[in-house]
Amino acid sequence: MTAAPENLTPRSISAIDLADRLRSGDALQLVDVREDEELALARIPHPAEHLPLSRAAEWMASVAARLDPDRPVVVLCHAGVRSWRMACWLMAERGYRDVWNLEGGIDAWSVAVDPSIARY
């Protein structure tokens, strides 16, 4: 996966802002790029497409069928690094335009939004 050119840089969204947008019913598509083991430990209580970054070769060809390019996409991981890579890839390689990266990942969500979600 390559980094997005400057004009194709994903935007960042805080955990609180994401929670607000989900509560308000925004038609966001969540993509979780963490491993199965991480997903079992902690997850946001909202449907998300699970596309582990380490298994990208398995799902790359099917991204267009799984994600609507006309709806906003929010990518998350544990701390916001892997999700940033995925967000850049969606923009640079697949042409998605409305892509967001969850700042601080699921860890930030557990601190700012829902402390019942395990931190690991």
PDB file of N, CA and C in Angstrom:
ATOM      1  N   MET A   1       0.839  -1.180   0.000  1.00  0.00           N
ATOM      2  CA  MET A   1       0.000   0.000   0.000  1.00  0.00           C
ATOM      3  C   MET A   1       0.881   1.239   0.000  1.00  0.00           C
ATOM      4  N   THR A   2       0.462   2.214  -0.752  1.00  0.00           N
ATOM      5  CA  THR A   2       1.239   3.439  -0.858  1.00  0.00           C
ATOM      6  C   THR A   2       0.527   4.583  -0.158  1.00  0.00           C
ATOM      7  N   ALA A   3       1.278   5.622   0.143  1.00  0.00           N
ATOM      8  CA  ALA A   3       0.685   6.811   0.760  1.00  0.00           C
ATOM      9  C   ALA A   3      -0.058   7.606  -0.306  1.00  0.00           C
ATOM     10  N   ALA A   4      -1.080   8.322   0.126  1.00  0.00           N
ATOM     11  CA  ALA A   4      -1.866   9.135  -0.797  1.00  0.00           C
ATOM     12  C   ALA A   4      -1.105  10.396  -1.170  1.00  0.00           C
ATOM     13  N   PRO A   5      -1.258  10.873  -2.420  1.00  0.00           N
ATOM     14  CA  PRO A   5      -0.679  12.161  -2.769  1.00  0.00           C
ATOM     15  C   PRO A   5      -1.270  13.248  -1.876  1.00  0.00           C
ATOM     16  N   GLU A   6      -0.602  14.389  -1.801  1.00  0.00           N
ATOM     17  CA  GLU A   6      -1.037  15.456  -0.894  1.00  0.00           C
ATOM     18  C   GLU A   6      -2.498  15.829  -1.058  1.00  0.00           C
ATOM     19  N   ASN A   7      -2.981  15.906  -2.293  1.00  0.00           N
ATOM     20  CA  ASN A   7      -4.362  16.318  -2.507  1.00  0.00           C
ATOM     21  C   ASN A   7      -5.356  15.205  -2.198  1.00  0.00           C
ATOM     22  N   LEU A   8      -4.864  14.060  -1.821  1.00  0.00           N
ATOM     23  CA  LEU A   8      -5.726  12.937  -1.471  1.00  0.00           C
ATOM     24  C   LEU A   8      -5.445  12.473  -0.047  1.00  0.00           C
ATOM     25  N   THR A   9      -5.351  13.407   0.850  1.00  0.00           N
ATOM     26  CA  THR A   9      -5.053  13.072   2.234  1.00  0.00           C
ATOM     27  C   THR A   9      -6.350  12.853   3.007  1.00  0.00           C
ATOM     28  N   PRO A  10      -6.472  11.715   3.684  1.00  0.00           N
ATOM     29  CA  PRO A  10      -7.671  11.478   4.493  1.00  0.00           C
ATOM     30  C   PRO A  10      -7.783  12.512   5.607  1.00  0.00           C
ATOM     31  N   ARG A  11      -9.002  12.774   5.998  1.00  0.00           N
ATOM     32  CA  ARG A  11      -9.232  13.660   7.135  1.00  0.00           C
ATOM     33  C   ARG A  11      -9.233  12.832   8.410  1.00  0.00           C
ATOM     34  N   SER A  12      -8.949  13.491   9.514  1.00  0.00           N
ATOM     35  CA  SER A  12      -8.982  12.830  10.819  1.00  0.00           C
ATOM     36  C   SER A  12     -10.291  13.167  11.511  1.00  0.00           C
ATOM     37  N   ILE A  13     -10.777  12.211  12.290  1.00  0.00           N
ATOM     38  CA  ILE A  13     -11.983  12.434  13.087  1.00  0.00           C
ATOM     39  C   ILE A  13     -11.700  11.938  14.499  1.00  0.00           C
ATOM     40  N   SER A  14     -12.106  12.716  15.487  1.00  0.00           N
ATOM     41  CA  SER A  14     -11.907  12.305  16.881  1.00  0.00           C
ATOM     42  C   SER A  14     -12.955  11.265  17.258  1.00  0.00           C
ATOM     43  N   ALA A  15     -12.687  10.542  18.312  1.00  0.00           N
ATOM     44  CA  ALA A  15     -13.634   9.537  18.802  1.00  0.00           C
ATOM     45  C   ALA A  15     -14.963  10.190  19.179  1.00  0.00           C
ATOM     46  N   ILE A  16     -14.908  11.344  19.819  1.00  0.00           N
ATOM     47  CA  ILE A  16     -16.142  12.032  20.228  1.00  0.00           C
ATOM     48  C   ILE A  16     -16.945  12.466  19.007  1.00  0.00           C
ATOM     49  N   ASP A  17     -16.276  13.033  18.006  1.00  0.00           N
ATOM     50  CA  ASP A  17     -16.986  13.455  16.796  1.00  0.00           C
ATOM     51  C   ASP A  17     -17.577  12.258  16.054  1.00  0.00           C
ATOM     52  N   LEU A  18     -16.853  11.156  16.007  1.00  0.00           N
ATOM     53  CA  LEU A  18     -17.388   9.955  15.367  1.00  0.00           C
ATOM     54  C   LEU A  18     -18.611   9.455  16.123  1.00  0.00           C
ATOM     55  N   ALA A  19     -18.536   9.409  17.432  1.00  0.00           N
ATOM     56  CA  ALA A  19     -19.684   8.964  18.231  1.00  0.00           C
ATOM     57  C   ALA A  19     -20.899   9.852  17.964  1.00  0.00           C
ATOM     58  N   ASP A  20     -20.684  11.162  17.899  1.00  0.00           N
ATOM     59  CA  ASP A  20     -21.782  12.096  17.615  1.00  0.00           C
ATOM     60  C   ASP A  20     -22.391  11.830  16.242  1.00  0.00           C
ATOM     61  N   ARG A  21     -21.543  11.621  15.263  1.00  0.00           N
ATOM     62  CA  ARG A  21     -22.048  11.373  13.903  1.00  0.00           C
ATOM     63  C   ARG A  21     -22.798  10.047  13.820  1.00  0.00           C
ATOM     64  N   LEU A  22     -22.324   9.028  14.527  1.00  0.00           N
ATOM     65  CA  LEU A  22     -23.028   7.745  14.533  1.00  0.00           C
ATOM     66  C   LEU A  22     -24.380   7.877  15.226  1.00  0.00           C
ATOM     67  N   ARG A  23     -24.405   8.606  16.350  1.00  0.00           N
ATOM     68  CA  ARG A  23     -25.671   8.823  17.069  1.00  0.00           C
ATOM     69  C   ARG A  23     -26.675   9.607  16.229  1.00  0.00           C
ATOM     70  N   SER A  24     -26.181  10.532  15.425  1.00  0.00           N
ATOM     71  CA  SER A  24     -27.081  11.360  14.615  1.00  0.00           C
ATOM     72  C   SER A  24     -27.571  10.627  13.364  1.00  0.00           C
ATOM     73  N   GLY A  25     -27.058   9.426  13.143  1.00  0.00           N
ATOM     74  CA  GLY A  25     -27.535   8.616  12.029  1.00  0.00           C
ATOM     75  C   GLY A  25     -26.837   8.862  10.706  1.00  0.00           C
ATOM     76  N   ASP A  26     -25.684   9.527  10.728  1.00  0.00           N
ATOM     77  CA  ASP A  26     -24.924   9.718   9.490  1.00  0.00           C
ATOM     78  C   ASP A  26     -24.663   8.360   8.837  1.00  0.00           C
ATOM     79  N   ALA A  27     -24.740   8.324   7.536  1.00  0.00           N
ATOM     80  CA  ALA A  27     -24.571   7.076   6.782  1.00  0.00           C
ATOM     81  C   ALA A  27     -23.093   6.754   6.582  1.00  0.00           C
ATOM     82  N   LEU A  28     -22.390   6.600   7.687  1.00  0.00           N
ATOM     83  CA  LEU A  28     -20.960   6.307   7.641  1.00  0.00           C
ATOM     84  C   LEU A  28     -20.727   4.814   7.447  1.00  0.00           C
ATOM     85  N   GLN A  29     -19.672   4.497   6.731  1.00  0.00           N
ATOM     86  CA  GLN A  29     -19.224   3.118   6.607  1.00  0.00           C
ATOM     87  C   GLN A  29     -17.963   2.987   7.447  1.00  0.00           C
ATOM     88  N   LEU A  30     -17.989   2.116   8.438  1.00  0.00           N
ATOM     89  CA  LEU A  30     -16.803   1.893   9.257  1.00  0.00           C
ATOM     90  C   LEU A  30     -16.017   0.716   8.690  1.00  0.00           C
ATOM     91  N   VAL A  31     -14.706   0.876   8.687  1.00  0.00           N
ATOM     92  CA  VAL A  31     -13.800  -0.195   8.265  1.00  0.00           C
ATOM     93  C   VAL A  31     -12.805  -0.402   9.390  1.00  0.00           C
ATOM     94  N   ASP A  32     -12.753  -1.620   9.910  1.00  0.00           N
ATOM     95  CA  ASP A  32     -11.833  -1.966  10.992  1.00  0.00           C
ATOM     96  C   ASP A  32     -10.717  -2.821  10.405  1.00  0.00           C
ATOM     97  N   VAL A  33      -9.481  -2.328  10.481  1.00  0.00           N
ATOM     98  CA  VAL A  33      -8.355  -3.039   9.862  1.00  0.00           C
ATOM     99  C   VAL A  33      -7.540  -3.859  10.860  1.00  0.00           C
ATOM    100  N   ARG A  34      -8.050  -4.010  12.082  1.00  0.00           N
ATOM    101  CA  ARG A  34      -7.318  -4.776  13.098  1.00  0.00           C
ATOM    102  C   ARG A  34      -7.417  -6.276  12.835  1.00  0.00           C
ATOM    103  N   GLU A  35      -6.575  -7.000  13.529  1.00  0.00           N
ATOM    104  CA  GLU A  35      -6.557  -8.463  13.435  1.00  0.00           C
ATOM    105  C   GLU A  35      -7.754  -9.055  14.180  1.00  0.00           C
ATOM    106  N   ASP A  36      -8.077 -10.305  13.868  1.00  0.00           N
ATOM    107  CA  ASP A  36      -9.198 -10.993  14.511  1.00  0.00           C
ATOM    108  C   ASP A  36      -9.081 -10.964  16.032  1.00  0.00           C
ATOM    109  N   GLU A  37      -7.867 -11.197  16.533  1.00  0.00           N
ATOM    110  CA  GLU A  37      -7.647 -11.243  17.981  1.00  0.00           C
ATOM    111  C   GLU A  37      -7.944  -9.887  18.623  1.00  0.00           C
ATOM    112  N   GLU A  38      -7.582  -8.813  17.940  1.00  0.00           N
ATOM    113  CA  GLU A  38      -7.843  -7.470  18.458  1.00  0.00           C
ATOM    114  C   GLU A  38      -9.333  -7.171  18.447  1.00  0.00           C
ATOM    115  N   LEU A  39      -9.996  -7.579  17.394  1.00  0.00           N
ATOM    116  CA  LEU A  39     -11.437  -7.356  17.274  1.00  0.00           C
ATOM    117  C   LEU A  39     -12.181  -8.075  18.393  1.00  0.00           C
ATOM    118  N   ALA A  40     -11.690  -9.253  18.774  1.00  0.00           N
ATOM    119  CA  ALA A  40     -12.316 -10.006  19.862  1.00  0.00           C
ATOM    120  C   ALA A  40     -12.165  -9.295  21.206  1.00  0.00           C
ATOM    121  N   LEU A  41     -11.114  -8.496  21.360  1.00  0.00           N
ATOM    122  CA  LEU A  41     -10.871  -7.783  22.620  1.00  0.00           C
ATOM    123  C   LEU A  41     -11.719  -6.529  22.776  1.00  0.00           C
ATOM    124  N   ALA A  42     -11.907  -5.799  21.686  1.00  0.00           N
ATOM    125  CA  ALA A  42     -12.585  -4.505  21.772  1.00  0.00           C
ATOM    126  C   ALA A  42     -13.164  -4.133  20.419  1.00  0.00           C
ATOM    127  N   ARG A  43     -14.392  -3.611  20.448  1.00  0.00           N
ATOM    128  CA  ARG A  43     -15.003  -3.148  19.198  1.00  0.00           C
ATOM    129  C   ARG A  43     -16.024  -2.061  19.475  1.00  0.00           C
ATOM    130  N   ILE A  44     -16.181  -1.187  18.512  1.00  0.00           N
ATOM    131  CA  ILE A  44     -17.192  -0.132  18.585  1.00  0.00           C
ATOM    132  C   ILE A  44     -18.542  -0.789  18.328  1.00  0.00           C
ATOM    133  N   PRO A  45     -19.558  -0.453  19.112  1.00  0.00           N
ATOM    134  CA  PRO A  45     -20.868  -1.083  18.933  1.00  0.00           C
ATOM    135  C   PRO A  45     -21.623  -0.502  17.732  1.00  0.00           C
ATOM    136  N   HIS A  46     -21.049  -0.662  16.569  1.00  0.00           N
ATOM    137  CA  HIS A  46     -21.644  -0.198  15.319  1.00  0.00           C
ATOM    138  C   HIS A  46     -21.114  -1.122  14.224  1.00  0.00           C
ATOM    139  N   PRO A  47     -21.948  -1.517  13.279  1.00  0.00           N
ATOM    140  CA  PRO A  47     -21.460  -2.420  12.228  1.00  0.00           C
ATOM    141  C   PRO A  47     -20.241  -1.850  11.505  1.00  0.00           C
ATOM    142  N   ALA A  48     -19.272  -2.711  11.273  1.00  0.00           N
ATOM    143  CA  ALA A  48     -18.054  -2.304  10.569  1.00  0.00           C
ATOM    144  C   ALA A  48     -17.615  -3.424   9.637  1.00  0.00           C
ATOM    145  N   GLU A  49     -17.080  -3.042   8.511  1.00  0.00           N
ATOM    146  CA  GLU A  49     -16.490  -4.000   7.584  1.00  0.00           C
ATOM    147  C   GLU A  49     -15.122  -4.371   8.155  1.00  0.00           C
ATOM    148  N   HIS A  50     -14.883  -5.655   8.368  1.00  0.00           N
ATOM    149  CA  HIS A  50     -13.613  -6.097   8.941  1.00  0.00           C
ATOM    150  C   HIS A  50     -12.669  -6.474   7.804  1.00  0.00           C
ATOM    151  N   LEU A  51     -11.649  -5.636   7.592  1.00  0.00           N
ATOM    152  CA  LEU A  51     -10.666  -5.856   6.534  1.00  0.00           C
ATOM    153  C   LEU A  51      -9.269  -5.779   7.140  1.00  0.00           C
ATOM    154  N   PRO A  52      -8.805  -6.871   7.770  1.00  0.00           N
ATOM    155  CA  PRO A  52      -7.488  -6.840   8.409  1.00  0.00           C
ATOM    156  C   PRO A  52      -6.392  -6.448   7.421  1.00  0.00           C
ATOM    157  N   LEU A  53      -5.637  -5.456   7.774  1.00  0.00           N
ATOM    158  CA  LEU A  53      -4.594  -4.953   6.889  1.00  0.00           C
ATOM    159  C   LEU A  53      -3.579  -6.038   6.539  1.00  0.00           C
ATOM    160  N   SER A  54      -3.302  -6.927   7.474  1.00  0.00           N
ATOM    161  CA  SER A  54      -2.317  -7.985   7.225  1.00  0.00           C
ATOM    162  C   SER A  54      -2.788  -8.988   6.173  1.00  0.00           C
ATOM    163  N   ARG A  55      -4.088  -9.003   5.891  1.00  0.00           N
ATOM    164  CA  ARG A  55      -4.634  -9.937   4.898  1.00  0.00           C
ATOM    165  C   ARG A  55      -5.185  -9.192   3.681  1.00  0.00           C
ATOM    166  N   ALA A  56      -4.591  -8.062   3.373  1.00  0.00           N
ATOM    167  CA  ALA A  56      -5.074  -7.217   2.276  1.00  0.00           C
ATOM    168  C   ALA A  56      -5.185  -7.978   0.955  1.00  0.00           C
ATOM    169  N   ALA A  57      -4.265  -8.877   0.691  1.00  0.00           N
ATOM    170  CA  ALA A  57      -4.305  -9.630  -0.569  1.00  0.00           C
ATOM    171  C   ALA A  57      -5.606 -10.415  -0.716  1.00  0.00           C
ATOM    172  N   GLU A  58      -6.215 -10.792   0.403  1.00  0.00           N
ATOM    173  CA  GLU A  58      -7.452 -11.570   0.371  1.00  0.00           C
ATOM    174  C   GLU A  58      -8.667 -10.722   0.019  1.00  0.00           C
ATOM    175  N   TRP A  59      -8.672  -9.441   0.371  1.00  0.00           N
ATOM    176  CA  TRP A  59      -9.875  -8.631   0.180  1.00  0.00           C
ATOM    177  C   TRP A  59      -9.726  -7.454  -0.776  1.00  0.00           C
ATOM    178  N   MET A  60      -8.517  -7.163  -1.235  1.00  0.00           N
ATOM    179  CA  MET A  60      -8.293  -5.992  -2.098  1.00  0.00           C
ATOM    180  C   MET A  60      -9.233  -5.927  -3.302  1.00  0.00           C
ATOM    181  N   ALA A  61      -9.382  -7.022  -3.984  1.00  0.00           N
ATOM    182  CA  ALA A  61     -10.199  -7.027  -5.198  1.00  0.00           C
ATOM    183  C   ALA A  61     -11.679  -6.805  -4.920  1.00  0.00           C
ATOM    184  N   SER A  62     -12.125  -7.065  -3.696  1.00  0.00           N
ATOM    185  CA  SER A  62     -13.555  -6.958  -3.395  1.00  0.00           C
ATOM    186  C   SER A  62     -13.950  -5.669  -2.680  1.00  0.00           C
ATOM    187  N   VAL A  63     -13.024  -4.727  -2.531  1.00  0.00           N
ATOM    188  CA  VAL A  63     -13.336  -3.490  -1.806  1.00  0.00           C
ATOM    189  C   VAL A  63     -14.508  -2.755  -2.439  1.00  0.00           C
ATOM    190  N   ALA A  64     -14.531  -2.641  -3.750  1.00  0.00           N
ATOM    191  CA  ALA A  64     -15.602  -1.900  -4.425  1.00  0.00           C
ATOM    192  C   ALA A  64     -16.969  -2.514  -4.149  1.00  0.00           C
ATOM    193  N   ALA A  65     -17.031  -3.829  -4.002  1.00  0.00           N
ATOM    194  CA  ALA A  65     -18.302  -4.488  -3.711  1.00  0.00           C
ATOM    195  C   ALA A  65     -18.694  -4.348  -2.243  1.00  0.00           C
ATOM    196  N   ARG A  66     -17.729  -4.053  -1.392  1.00  0.00           N
ATOM    197  CA  ARG A  66     -17.988  -3.990   0.043  1.00  0.00           C
ATOM    198  C   ARG A  66     -18.214  -2.573   0.553  1.00  0.00           C
ATOM    199  N   LEU A  67     -17.677  -1.574  -0.141  1.00  0.00           N
ATOM    200  CA  LEU A  67     -17.774  -0.186   0.308  1.00  0.00           C
ATOM    201  C   LEU A  67     -18.329   0.697  -0.802  1.00  0.00           C
ATOM    202  N   ASP A  68     -19.325   1.490  -0.463  1.00  0.00           N
ATOM    203  CA  ASP A  68     -19.943   2.410  -1.410  1.00  0.00           C
ATOM    204  C   ASP A  68     -19.065   3.655  -1.545  1.00  0.00           C
ATOM    205  N   PRO A  69     -18.535   3.938  -2.732  1.00  0.00           N
ATOM    206  CA  PRO A  69     -17.656   5.096  -2.894  1.00  0.00           C
ATOM    207  C   PRO A  69     -18.368   6.435  -2.724  1.00  0.00           C
ATOM    208  N   ASP A  70     -19.686   6.428  -2.720  1.00  0.00           N
ATOM    209  CA  ASP A  70     -20.449   7.670  -2.575  1.00  0.00           C
ATOM    210  C   ASP A  70     -20.823   7.985  -1.130  1.00  0.00           C
ATOM    211  N   ARG A  71     -20.451   7.110  -0.208  1.00  0.00           N
ATOM    212  CA  ARG A  71     -20.727   7.354   1.215  1.00  0.00           C
ATOM    213  C   ARG A  71     -19.411   7.526   1.955  1.00  0.00           C
ATOM    214  N   PRO A  72     -19.415   8.337   3.035  1.00  0.00           N
ATOM    215  CA  PRO A  72     -18.186   8.525   3.813  1.00  0.00           C
ATOM    216  C   PRO A  72     -17.702   7.206   4.424  1.00  0.00           C
ATOM    217  N   VAL A  73     -16.383   7.051   4.452  1.00  0.00           N
ATOM    218  CA  VAL A  73     -15.740   5.873   5.028  1.00  0.00           C
ATOM    219  C   VAL A  73     -14.878   6.335   6.200  1.00  0.00           C
ATOM    220  N   VAL A  74     -15.038   5.673   7.350  1.00  0.00           N
ATOM    221  CA  VAL A  74     -14.186   5.941   8.513  1.00  0.00           C
ATOM    222  C   VAL A  74     -13.413   4.665   8.804  1.00  0.00           C
ATOM    223  N   VAL A  75     -12.091   4.771   8.804  1.00  0.00           N
ATOM    224  CA  VAL A  75     -11.227   3.612   9.016  1.00  0.00           C
ATOM    225  C   VAL A  75     -10.660   3.677  10.428  1.00  0.00           C
ATOM    226  N   LEU A  76     -10.618   2.520  11.102  1.00  0.00           N
ATOM    227  CA  LEU A  76     -10.086   2.485  12.460  1.00  0.00           C
ATOM    228  C   LEU A  76      -9.198   1.278  12.679  1.00  0.00           C
ATOM    229  N   CYS A  77      -8.323   1.418  13.649  1.00  0.00           N
ATOM    230  CA  CYS A  77      -7.449   0.331  14.093  1.00  0.00           C
ATOM    231  C   CYS A  77      -7.244   0.516  15.596  1.00  0.00           C
ATOM    232  N   HIS A  78      -6.146   0.049  16.126  1.00  0.00           N
ATOM    233  CA  HIS A  78      -5.895   0.190  17.554  1.00  0.00           C
ATOM    234  C   HIS A  78      -5.525   1.616  17.934  1.00  0.00           C
ATOM    235  N   ALA A  79      -4.582   2.215  17.204  1.00  0.00           N
ATOM    236  CA  ALA A  79      -4.087   3.540  17.592  1.00  0.00           C
ATOM    237  C   ALA A  79      -4.130   4.582  16.475  1.00  0.00           C
ATOM    238  N   GLY A  80      -4.557   4.202  15.288  1.00  0.00           N
ATOM    239  CA  GLY A  80      -4.684   5.162  14.200  1.00  0.00           C
ATOM    240  C   GLY A  80      -3.600   5.120  13.146  1.00  0.00           C
ATOM    241  N   VAL A  81      -2.658   4.191  13.257  1.00  0.00           N
ATOM    242  CA  VAL A  81      -1.558   4.122  12.286  1.00  0.00           C
ATOM    243  C   VAL A  81      -1.931   3.234  11.097  1.00  0.00           C
ATOM    244  N   ARG A  82      -2.333   2.004  11.373  1.00  0.00           N
ATOM    245  CA  ARG A  82      -2.728   1.107  10.278  1.00  0.00           C
ATOM    246  C   ARG A  82      -3.930   1.665   9.527  1.00  0.00           C
ATOM    247  N   SER A  83      -4.858   2.259  10.269  1.00  0.00           N
ATOM    248  CA  SER A  83      -6.045   2.827   9.623  1.00  0.00           C
ATOM    249  C   SER A  83      -5.670   3.982   8.705  1.00  0.00           C
ATOM    250  N   TRP A  84      -4.664   4.760   9.090  1.00  0.00           N
ATOM    251  CA  TRP A  84      -4.200   5.852   8.229  1.00  0.00           C
ATOM    252  C   TRP A  84      -3.687   5.289   6.904  1.00  0.00           C
ATOM    253  N   ARG A  85      -2.917   4.220   6.976  1.00  0.00           N
ATOM    254  CA  ARG A  85      -2.404   3.586   5.750  1.00  0.00           C
ATOM    255  C   ARG A  85      -3.548   3.117   4.861  1.00  0.00           C
ATOM    256  N   MET A  86      -4.555   2.500   5.474  1.00  0.00           N
ATOM    257  CA  MET A  86      -5.703   2.012   4.709  1.00  0.00           C
ATOM    258  C   MET A  86      -6.478   3.177   4.102  1.00  0.00           C
ATOM    259  N   ALA A  87      -6.679   4.232   4.867  1.00  0.00           N
ATOM    260  CA  ALA A  87      -7.411   5.401   4.367  1.00  0.00           C
ATOM    261  C   ALA A  87      -6.684   6.008   3.167  1.00  0.00           C
ATOM    262  N   CYS A  88      -5.372   6.119   3.253  1.00  0.00           N
ATOM    263  CA  CYS A  88      -4.572   6.635   2.130  1.00  0.00           C
ATOM    264  C   CYS A  88      -4.711   5.737   0.910  1.00  0.00           C
ATOM    265  N   TRP A  89      -4.675   4.437   1.124  1.00  0.00           N
ATOM    266  CA  TRP A  89      -4.800   3.479   0.027  1.00  0.00           C
ATOM    267  C   TRP A  89      -6.165   3.592  -0.648  1.00  0.00           C
ATOM    268  N   LEU A  90      -7.229   3.700   0.151  1.00  0.00           N
ATOM    269  CA  LEU A  90      -8.569   3.829  -0.431  1.00  0.00           C
ATOM    270  C   LEU A  90      -8.658   5.041  -1.345  1.00  0.00           C
ATOM    271  N   MET A  91      -8.018   6.121  -0.943  1.00  0.00           N
ATOM    272  CA  MET A  91      -8.069   7.342  -1.745  1.00  0.00           C
ATOM    273  C   MET A  91      -7.162   7.255  -2.974  1.00  0.00           C
ATOM    274  N   ALA A  92      -5.918   6.864  -2.770  1.00  0.00           N
ATOM    275  CA  ALA A  92      -4.934   6.879  -3.858  1.00  0.00           C
ATOM    276  C   ALA A  92      -5.137   5.756  -4.866  1.00  0.00           C
ATOM    277  N   GLU A  93      -5.488   4.579  -4.382  1.00  0.00           N
ATOM    278  CA  GLU A  93      -5.553   3.406  -5.259  1.00  0.00           C
ATOM    279  C   GLU A  93      -6.962   3.028  -5.698  1.00  0.00           C
ATOM    280  N   ARG A  94      -7.965   3.436  -4.945  1.00  0.00           N
ATOM    281  CA  ARG A  94      -9.333   3.034  -5.273  1.00  0.00           C
ATOM    282  C   ARG A  94     -10.265   4.207  -5.570  1.00  0.00           C
ATOM    283  N   GLY A  95      -9.766   5.421  -5.431  1.00  0.00           N
ATOM    284  CA  GLY A  95     -10.539   6.592  -5.835  1.00  0.00           C
ATOM    285  C   GLY A  95     -11.599   7.079  -4.870  1.00  0.00           C
ATOM    286  N   TYR A  96     -11.610   6.572  -3.652  1.00  0.00           N
ATOM    287  CA  TYR A  96     -12.568   7.073  -2.661  1.00  0.00           C
ATOM    288  C   TYR A  96     -12.176   8.499  -2.293  1.00  0.00           C
ATOM    289  N   ARG A  97     -13.155   9.367  -2.061  1.00  0.00           N
ATOM    290  CA  ARG A  97     -12.864  10.774  -1.793  1.00  0.00           C
ATOM    291  C   ARG A  97     -13.210  11.211  -0.372  1.00  0.00           C
ATOM    292  N   ASP A  98     -14.207  10.615   0.232  1.00  0.00           N
ATOM    293  CA  ASP A  98     -14.657  11.043   1.563  1.00  0.00           C
ATOM    294  C   ASP A  98     -14.215   9.997   2.586  1.00  0.00           C
ATOM    295  N   VAL A  99     -12.929  10.044   2.923  1.00  0.00           N
ATOM    296  CA  VAL A  99     -12.329   9.033   3.794  1.00  0.00           C
ATOM    297  C   VAL A  99     -11.758   9.706   5.033  1.00  0.00           C
ATOM    298  N   TRP A 100     -12.050   9.106   6.175  1.00  0.00           N
ATOM    299  CA  TRP A 100     -11.641   9.635   7.477  1.00  0.00           C
ATOM    300  C   TRP A 100     -10.848   8.577   8.227  1.00  0.00           C
ATOM    301  N   ASN A 101      -9.925   9.028   9.057  1.00  0.00           N
ATOM    302  CA  ASN A 101      -9.153   8.148   9.925  1.00  0.00           C
ATOM    303  C   ASN A 101      -9.529   8.466  11.370  1.00  0.00           C
ATOM    304  N   LEU A 102      -9.876   7.446  12.152  1.00  0.00           N
ATOM    305  CA  LEU A 102     -10.202   7.659  13.564  1.00  0.00           C
ATOM    306  C   LEU A 102      -8.917   7.943  14.330  1.00  0.00           C
ATOM    307  N   GLU A 103      -8.765   9.183  14.779  1.00  0.00           N
ATOM    308  CA  GLU A 103      -7.580   9.594  15.550  1.00  0.00           C
ATOM    309  C   GLU A 103      -7.462   8.761  16.817  1.00  0.00           C
ATOM    310  N   GLY A 104      -6.336   8.126  17.002  1.00  0.00           N
ATOM    311  CA  GLY A 104      -6.105   7.358  18.222  1.00  0.00           C
ATOM    312  C   GLY A 104      -6.777   6.006  18.246  1.00  0.00           C
ATOM    313  N   GLY A 105      -7.536   5.676  17.207  1.00  0.00           N
ATOM    314  CA  GLY A 105      -8.148   4.362  17.062  1.00  0.00           C
ATOM    315  C   GLY A 105      -9.113   3.967  18.173  1.00  0.00           C
ATOM    316  N   ILE A 106      -9.280   2.661  18.314  1.00  0.00           N
ATOM    317  CA  ILE A 106     -10.199   2.115  19.315  1.00  0.00           C
ATOM    318  C   ILE A 106      -9.741   2.489  20.720  1.00  0.00           C
ATOM    319  N   ASP A 107      -8.449   2.697  20.891  1.00  0.00           N
ATOM    320  CA  ASP A 107      -7.937   3.098  22.198  1.00  0.00           C
ATOM    321  C   ASP A 107      -8.501   4.466  22.584  1.00  0.00           C
ATOM    322  N   ALA A 108      -8.510   5.410  21.657  1.00  0.00           N
ATOM    323  CA  ALA A 108      -9.077   6.738  21.927  1.00  0.00           C
ATOM    324  C   ALA A 108     -10.574   6.643  22.179  1.00  0.00           C
ATOM    325  N   TRP A 109     -11.249   5.740  21.460  1.00  0.00           N
ATOM    326  CA  TRP A 109     -12.689   5.549  21.656  1.00  0.00           C
ATOM    327  C   TRP A 109     -12.956   5.072  23.082  1.00  0.00           C
ATOM    328  N   SER A 110     -12.149   4.131  23.569  1.00  0.00           N
ATOM    329  CA  SER A 110     -12.373   3.592  24.916  1.00  0.00           C
ATOM    330  C   SER A 110     -12.110   4.645  25.987  1.00  0.00           C
ATOM    331  N   VAL A 111     -11.221   5.589  25.728  1.00  0.00           N
ATOM    332  CA  VAL A 111     -10.926   6.655  26.692  1.00  0.00           C
ATOM    333  C   VAL A 111     -11.986   7.751  26.637  1.00  0.00           C
ATOM    334  N   ALA A 112     -12.333   8.194  25.447  1.00  0.00           N
ATOM    335  CA  ALA A 112     -13.187   9.378  25.293  1.00  0.00           C
ATOM    336  C   ALA A 112     -14.675   9.087  25.220  1.00  0.00           C
ATOM    337  N   VAL A 113     -15.052   7.898  24.750  1.00  0.00           N
ATOM    338  CA  VAL A 113     -16.467   7.629  24.486  1.00  0.00           C
ATOM    339  C   VAL A 113     -17.037   6.534  25.375  1.00  0.00           C
ATOM    340  N   ASP A 114     -16.354   5.403  25.448  1.00  0.00           N
ATOM    341  CA  ASP A 114     -16.919   4.247  26.149  1.00  0.00           C
ATOM    342  C   ASP A 114     -15.844   3.508  26.940  1.00  0.00           C
ATOM    343  N   PRO A 115     -15.681   3.884  28.223  1.00  0.00           N
ATOM    344  CA  PRO A 115     -14.646   3.244  29.040  1.00  0.00           C
ATOM    345  C   PRO A 115     -14.892   1.757  29.299  1.00  0.00           C
ATOM    346  N   SER A 116     -16.079   1.249  28.957  1.00  0.00           N
ATOM    347  CA  SER A 116     -16.324  -0.183  29.148  1.00  0.00           C
ATOM    348  C   SER A 116     -15.613  -1.018  28.080  1.00  0.00           C
ATOM    349  N   ILE A 117     -15.155  -0.374  27.017  1.00  0.00           N
ATOM    350  CA  ILE A 117     -14.410  -1.087  25.981  1.00  0.00           C
ATOM    351  C   ILE A 117     -12.980  -1.290  26.473  1.00  0.00           C
ATOM    352  N   ALA A 118     -12.538  -2.520  26.398  1.00  0.00           N
ATOM    353  CA  ALA A 118     -11.208  -2.873  26.915  1.00  0.00           C
ATOM    354  C   ALA A 118     -10.104  -2.122  26.197  1.00  0.00           C
ATOM    355  N   ARG A 119      -9.118  -1.692  26.963  1.00  0.00           N
ATOM    356  CA  ARG A 119      -7.897  -1.110  26.393  1.00  0.00           C
ATOM    357  C   ARG A 119      -6.846  -2.206  26.394  1.00  0.00           C
ATOM    358  N   TYR A 120      -6.121  -2.304  25.330  1.00  0.00           N
ATOM    359  CA  TYR A 120      -5.077  -3.338  25.220  1.00  0.00           C
ATOM    360  C   TYR A 120      -3.840  -2.766  24.592  1.00  0.00           C
TER     361      TYR A 120
END
